[in-house]
């Protein structure tokens, strides 16, 4: 059995940093976590990549091709669809190798439509599962932009669309907690365990849009609440305890290690030593 985290989220939300720090943290726990770069537009990253999709196809090459007329977004979609072709999938499978108990992070592109309504990532999941992978989705959001109700609602709906589309165990992570000042951290607490309706009737209710579309806003909030999607795991990359908590959550989602054989040791039990004297008591 092998294990895969699909690290998803908008551009600039901290996906590559998440992969880097989790790989480094695993080393301190005597575990091996490999990372696969699935972003054909990536310029640089600081983790050690087991596989780099740019060895197969690069966005710049697609955009510069004479027989194609793609912009950045269209070119990236073309690259991902190319990877999902039989030859691309076979290349990926060979690059991944075949090792039991592997845990691999897939650093995905930041184009949100790849997760919310296109079939590219869903196809990848189906093939990973056929290759004996257990897969979970880790949806990464930037905590700096999640400190008001409107942005919280928007980010949560994007996460919800991803969860429904991919149909695998799903974890939401708020990154860049280390960049928040004290007042922002205190304000963010209400978004980690929120009462959605109270949240939407606070500062967000004063906007002209919410007064006009009050029922719509609360209907969306109810959808989020009903799906229990308003629970986020905060991640501070400078805090080892925060990294450990996150790793525990992902292990639980994947049931990591549950198929591992329990190591036992046989002990030899000897009869009572014949030479041992029984205690004697005087009358």
Protein backbone atom coordinates (compact mmCIF):
# COMPACT_ATOMS: atom_id res chain seq x y z
CA UNK A 1 0.00 0.00 0.00
CA UNK A 2 1.20 3.49 -0.88
CA UNK A 3 -0.08 6.91 0.20
CA UNK A 4 -0.56 10.18 -1.69
CA UNK A 5 -1.40 13.74 -0.64
CA UNK A 6 -2.70 15.91 -3.47
CA UNK A 7 -1.67 19.38 -2.31
CA UNK A 8 -4.19 21.75 -3.89
CA UNK A 9 -5.11 25.40 -3.62
CA UNK A 10 -4.98 28.79 -5.33
CA UNK A 11 -1.74 30.20 -6.68
CA UNK A 12 0.46 31.66 -3.96
CA UNK A 13 -1.31 29.87 -1.11
CA UNK A 14 1.82 28.06 0.05
CA UNK A 15 1.58 24.61 -1.56
CA UNK A 16 5.29 24.25 -2.36
CA UNK A 17 6.26 25.53 1.09
CA UNK A 18 3.85 23.03 2.64
CA UNK A 19 5.58 20.20 0.75
CA UNK A 20 9.03 21.47 1.69
CA UNK A 21 8.43 21.78 5.43
CA UNK A 22 6.50 18.50 5.70
CA UNK A 23 9.28 16.65 3.91
CA UNK A 24 11.85 18.19 6.24
CA UNK A 25 9.70 17.52 9.32
CA UNK A 26 9.34 13.86 8.33
CA UNK A 27 13.11 13.47 8.46
CA UNK A 28 13.08 14.44 12.14
CA UNK A 29 10.44 11.73 12.71
CA UNK A 30 12.52 9.06 10.94
CA UNK A 31 10.03 8.94 8.08
CA UNK A 32 10.51 9.39 4.37
CA UNK A 33 8.11 11.67 2.51
CA UNK A 34 8.77 12.20 -1.19
CA UNK A 35 7.47 15.08 -3.28
CA UNK A 36 6.33 15.16 -6.90
CA UNK A 37 6.19 18.49 -8.73
CA UNK A 38 3.10 18.46 -10.95
CA UNK A 39 3.30 22.14 -11.90
CA UNK A 40 4.73 22.51 -15.43
CA UNK A 41 4.99 26.28 -14.85
CA UNK A 42 7.06 26.05 -11.66
CA UNK A 43 10.19 28.16 -11.69
CA UNK A 44 11.84 26.94 -8.50
CA UNK A 45 11.16 24.99 -5.33
CA UNK A 46 13.23 24.05 -2.30
CA UNK A 47 12.22 20.44 -1.73
CA UNK A 48 13.92 17.37 -3.17
CA UNK A 49 11.65 16.23 -6.00
CA UNK A 50 11.22 12.52 -6.63
CA UNK A 51 9.55 13.39 -9.95
CA UNK A 52 9.39 16.68 -11.86
CA UNK A 53 6.70 16.95 -14.54
CA UNK A 54 8.86 19.54 -16.31
CA UNK A 55 11.06 16.63 -17.43
CA UNK A 56 8.07 15.53 -19.50
CA UNK A 57 6.51 18.84 -20.55
CA UNK A 58 7.03 22.53 -19.72
CA UNK A 59 4.60 25.40 -20.01
CA UNK A 60 7.11 27.67 -21.79
CA UNK A 61 7.64 25.08 -24.54
CA UNK A 62 3.89 24.78 -25.10
CA UNK A 63 3.39 28.56 -25.28
CA UNK A 64 6.29 29.00 -27.70
CA UNK A 65 5.25 26.20 -30.04
CA UNK A 66 4.48 27.47 -33.54
CA UNK A 67 1.52 25.16 -34.07
CA UNK A 68 -0.18 26.22 -30.82
CA UNK A 69 -1.72 29.46 -29.70
CA UNK A 70 -2.11 29.16 -25.93
CA UNK A 71 -1.94 31.73 -23.18
CA UNK A 72 -0.67 30.81 -19.70
CA UNK A 73 -3.95 29.28 -18.50
CA UNK A 74 -4.71 27.37 -21.68
CA UNK A 75 -1.12 26.17 -21.89
CA UNK A 76 -1.20 24.84 -18.35
CA UNK A 77 -4.44 22.96 -19.01
CA UNK A 78 -2.85 21.48 -22.15
CA UNK A 79 0.18 20.32 -20.11
CA UNK A 80 -2.00 18.61 -17.50
CA UNK A 81 -4.17 16.95 -20.13
CA UNK A 82 -1.01 15.78 -21.89
CA UNK A 83 0.12 14.17 -18.63
CA UNK A 84 -3.22 12.33 -18.47
CA UNK A 85 -2.66 10.76 -21.90
CA UNK A 86 -1.62 7.06 -21.82
CA UNK A 87 2.04 7.87 -22.58
CA UNK A 88 2.14 10.57 -19.90
CA UNK A 89 0.57 8.31 -17.28
CA UNK A 90 2.97 5.50 -18.12
CA UNK A 91 5.88 7.93 -17.76
CA UNK A 92 4.57 9.03 -14.35
CA UNK A 93 4.09 5.47 -13.15
CA UNK A 94 7.64 4.54 -14.10
CA UNK A 95 9.02 7.62 -12.37
CA UNK A 96 7.12 6.87 -9.15
CA UNK A 97 8.67 3.42 -8.91
CA UNK A 98 7.15 0.66 -6.84
CA UNK A 99 7.92 0.81 -3.13
CA UNK A 100 5.62 -0.26 -0.33
CA UNK A 101 4.55 2.23 2.35
CA UNK A 102 5.67 5.23 0.29
CA UNK A 103 4.16 8.57 1.27
CA UNK A 104 4.22 11.02 -1.63
CA UNK A 105 3.11 14.66 -1.78
CA UNK A 106 1.93 15.85 -5.20
CA UNK A 107 2.58 19.59 -5.49
CA UNK A 108 -0.20 20.58 -7.89
CA UNK A 109 -0.63 23.70 -10.06
CA UNK A 110 -2.48 26.71 -8.67
CA UNK A 111 -5.13 26.85 -11.38
CA UNK A 112 -8.30 26.38 -9.37
CA UNK A 113 -10.49 25.08 -12.22
CA UNK A 114 -8.30 21.96 -12.41
CA UNK A 115 -9.84 20.91 -9.08
CA UNK A 116 -13.30 22.43 -9.07
CA UNK A 117 -14.88 21.31 -12.34
CA UNK A 118 -12.35 19.82 -14.77
CA UNK A 119 -11.67 16.07 -14.79
CA UNK A 120 -7.86 16.24 -14.89
CA UNK A 121 -7.20 15.72 -11.17
CA UNK A 122 -10.05 13.24 -10.84
CA UNK A 123 -8.47 11.17 -13.61
CA UNK A 124 -5.12 11.32 -11.83
CA UNK A 125 -6.75 10.11 -8.60
CA UNK A 126 -8.37 7.16 -10.36
CA UNK A 127 -5.03 6.07 -11.80
CA UNK A 128 -3.21 6.50 -8.49
CA UNK A 129 -5.82 4.33 -6.82
CA UNK A 130 -5.39 1.68 -9.52
CA UNK A 131 -1.65 1.79 -8.72
CA UNK A 132 -2.43 0.85 -5.10
CA UNK A 133 -2.33 4.37 -3.67
CA UNK A 134 -4.59 5.68 -0.95
CA UNK A 135 -5.26 9.32 -1.79
CA UNK A 136 -6.32 12.34 0.22
CA UNK A 137 -6.70 15.98 -0.83
CA UNK A 138 -5.03 18.74 1.17
CA UNK A 139 -6.63 22.05 0.22
CA UNK A 140 -4.37 24.95 1.17
CA UNK A 141 -5.66 28.47 1.83
CA UNK A 142 -3.70 31.57 2.79
CA UNK A 143 -4.67 32.63 6.32
CA UNK A 144 -3.64 36.23 5.57
CA UNK A 145 -6.68 36.53 3.29
CA UNK A 146 -9.10 34.63 5.53
CA UNK A 147 -9.68 37.22 8.23
CA UNK A 148 -13.05 38.53 7.11
CA UNK A 149 -16.36 36.79 6.48
CA UNK A 150 -16.59 37.47 2.74
CA UNK A 151 -13.18 35.95 1.98
CA UNK A 152 -13.85 33.08 4.37
CA UNK A 153 -17.08 32.29 2.50
CA UNK A 154 -15.36 32.49 -0.89
CA UNK A 155 -12.43 30.27 0.13
CA UNK A 156 -14.71 27.73 1.78
CA UNK A 157 -16.89 27.45 -1.33
CA UNK A 158 -13.80 26.80 -3.46
CA UNK A 159 -12.73 24.09 -1.00
CA UNK A 160 -16.24 22.63 -1.04
CA UNK A 161 -16.31 22.47 -4.85
CA UNK A 162 -12.95 20.67 -4.77
CA UNK A 163 -14.12 18.18 -2.16
CA UNK A 164 -17.29 17.33 -4.08
CA UNK A 165 -15.44 17.03 -7.39
CA UNK A 166 -12.59 14.79 -6.25
CA UNK A 167 -14.51 12.52 -3.82
CA UNK A 168 -11.54 11.58 -1.64
CA UNK A 169 -10.75 12.28 2.04
CA UNK A 170 -10.30 16.03 2.32
CA UNK A 171 -8.38 18.28 4.72
CA UNK A 172 -8.36 22.09 4.75
CA UNK A 173 -5.20 23.87 5.90
CA UNK A 174 -4.67 27.54 6.70
CA UNK A 175 -1.07 28.38 5.87
CA UNK A 176 1.22 31.33 6.69
CA UNK A 177 0.07 31.51 10.31
CA UNK A 178 3.61 32.61 11.14
CA UNK A 179 3.06 35.81 9.14
CA UNK A 180 0.05 37.00 11.12
CA UNK A 181 0.44 39.60 13.85
CA UNK A 182 -1.10 39.08 17.28
CA UNK A 183 -4.37 40.89 16.55
CA UNK A 184 -4.85 39.01 13.27
CA UNK A 185 -4.28 35.68 15.03
CA UNK A 186 -6.90 36.55 17.61
CA UNK A 187 -9.32 37.54 14.86
CA UNK A 188 -8.62 34.31 12.98
CA UNK A 189 -9.71 32.19 15.95
CA UNK A 190 -13.36 32.83 15.10
CA UNK A 191 -12.78 31.32 11.64
CA UNK A 192 -11.22 28.07 12.91
CA UNK A 193 -14.35 26.94 14.78
CA UNK A 194 -16.96 29.33 13.39
CA UNK A 195 -20.68 29.60 13.80
CA UNK A 196 -21.37 30.42 10.17
CA UNK A 197 -24.59 32.37 10.62
CA UNK A 198 -23.14 34.48 13.43
CA UNK A 199 -20.09 35.09 11.28
CA UNK A 200 -22.09 36.24 8.28
CA UNK A 201 -24.24 38.57 10.36
CA UNK A 202 -21.24 40.35 11.87
CA UNK A 203 -19.08 42.66 9.78
CA UNK A 204 -20.17 41.17 6.45
CA UNK A 205 -23.80 42.19 6.93
CA UNK A 206 -22.98 45.89 6.61
CA UNK A 207 -22.07 45.62 2.93
CA UNK A 208 -24.59 46.72 0.33
CA UNK A 209 -24.26 43.38 -1.45
CA UNK A 210 -25.20 41.37 1.63
CA UNK A 211 -28.21 43.55 2.38
CA UNK A 212 -29.49 42.93 -1.14
CA UNK A 213 -28.61 39.23 -1.27
CA UNK A 214 -29.11 38.38 2.38
CA UNK A 215 -30.95 35.10 1.69
CA UNK A 216 -28.33 33.98 -0.85
CA UNK A 217 -25.46 34.62 1.54
CA UNK A 218 -27.11 32.67 4.34
CA UNK A 219 -28.06 29.83 2.00
CA UNK A 220 -24.40 29.51 1.00
CA UNK A 221 -23.40 29.61 4.65
CA UNK A 222 -25.87 26.81 5.38
CA UNK A 223 -24.34 24.66 2.62
CA UNK A 224 -20.89 25.10 4.17
CA UNK A 225 -22.23 24.31 7.62
CA UNK A 226 -24.15 21.24 6.48
CA UNK A 227 -21.04 19.79 4.86
CA UNK A 228 -18.99 20.50 8.01
CA UNK A 229 -16.45 22.24 5.82
CA UNK A 230 -15.81 25.10 8.19
CA UNK A 231 -13.07 23.29 10.08
CA UNK A 232 -9.55 24.33 9.22
CA UNK A 233 -6.17 23.16 10.49
CA UNK A 234 -3.84 26.12 11.12
CA UNK A 235 -0.24 25.58 10.00
CA UNK A 236 2.71 27.46 11.43
CA UNK A 237 5.80 26.19 9.62
CA UNK A 238 8.04 27.42 12.44
CA UNK A 239 6.25 25.31 15.04
CA UNK A 240 7.11 21.60 15.18
CA UNK A 241 3.97 20.82 17.18
CA UNK A 242 1.84 22.39 14.45
CA UNK A 243 3.56 20.24 11.82
CA UNK A 244 3.12 17.12 13.95
CA UNK A 245 -0.61 17.79 14.39
CA UNK A 246 -1.04 18.23 10.65
CA UNK A 247 0.85 15.01 9.89
CA UNK A 248 -1.37 13.15 12.35
CA UNK A 249 -4.48 14.48 10.59
CA UNK A 250 -3.25 13.38 7.16
CA UNK A 251 -2.19 9.98 8.48
CA UNK A 252 -5.64 9.50 9.96
CA UNK A 253 -7.33 10.49 6.68
CA UNK A 254 -5.21 7.98 4.77
CA UNK A 255 -5.24 5.31 7.50
CA UNK A 256 -1.48 5.42 7.19
CA UNK A 257 0.29 2.35 8.51
CA UNK A 258 -2.83 0.40 9.44
CA UNK A 259 -1.84 -2.42 7.09
CA UNK A 260 1.67 -2.64 8.49
CA UNK A 261 2.44 -5.93 10.19
CA UNK A 262 2.86 -5.69 13.93
CA UNK A 263 6.39 -6.50 14.95
CA UNK A 264 6.50 -9.16 17.63
CA UNK A 265 9.25 -10.83 19.56
CA UNK A 266 9.22 -14.35 20.90
CA UNK A 267 10.27 -14.79 24.49
CA UNK A 268 11.43 -18.06 25.96
CA UNK A 269 9.85 -18.87 29.26
CA UNK A 270 11.76 -21.21 31.50
CA UNK A 271 10.48 -23.31 34.31
CA UNK A 272 11.31 -22.37 37.82
CA UNK A 273 14.92 -22.97 38.59
CA UNK A 274 15.20 -26.24 40.41
CA UNK A 275 18.05 -24.89 42.48
CA UNK A 276 16.02 -22.01 43.80
CA UNK A 277 15.25 -22.54 47.44
CA UNK A 278 11.78 -22.11 48.73
CA UNK A 279 11.52 -19.56 51.53
CA UNK A 280 11.49 -21.21 54.91
CA UNK A 281 9.67 -19.97 57.94
CA UNK A 282 10.43 -20.81 61.52
CA UNK A 283 7.67 -21.85 63.87
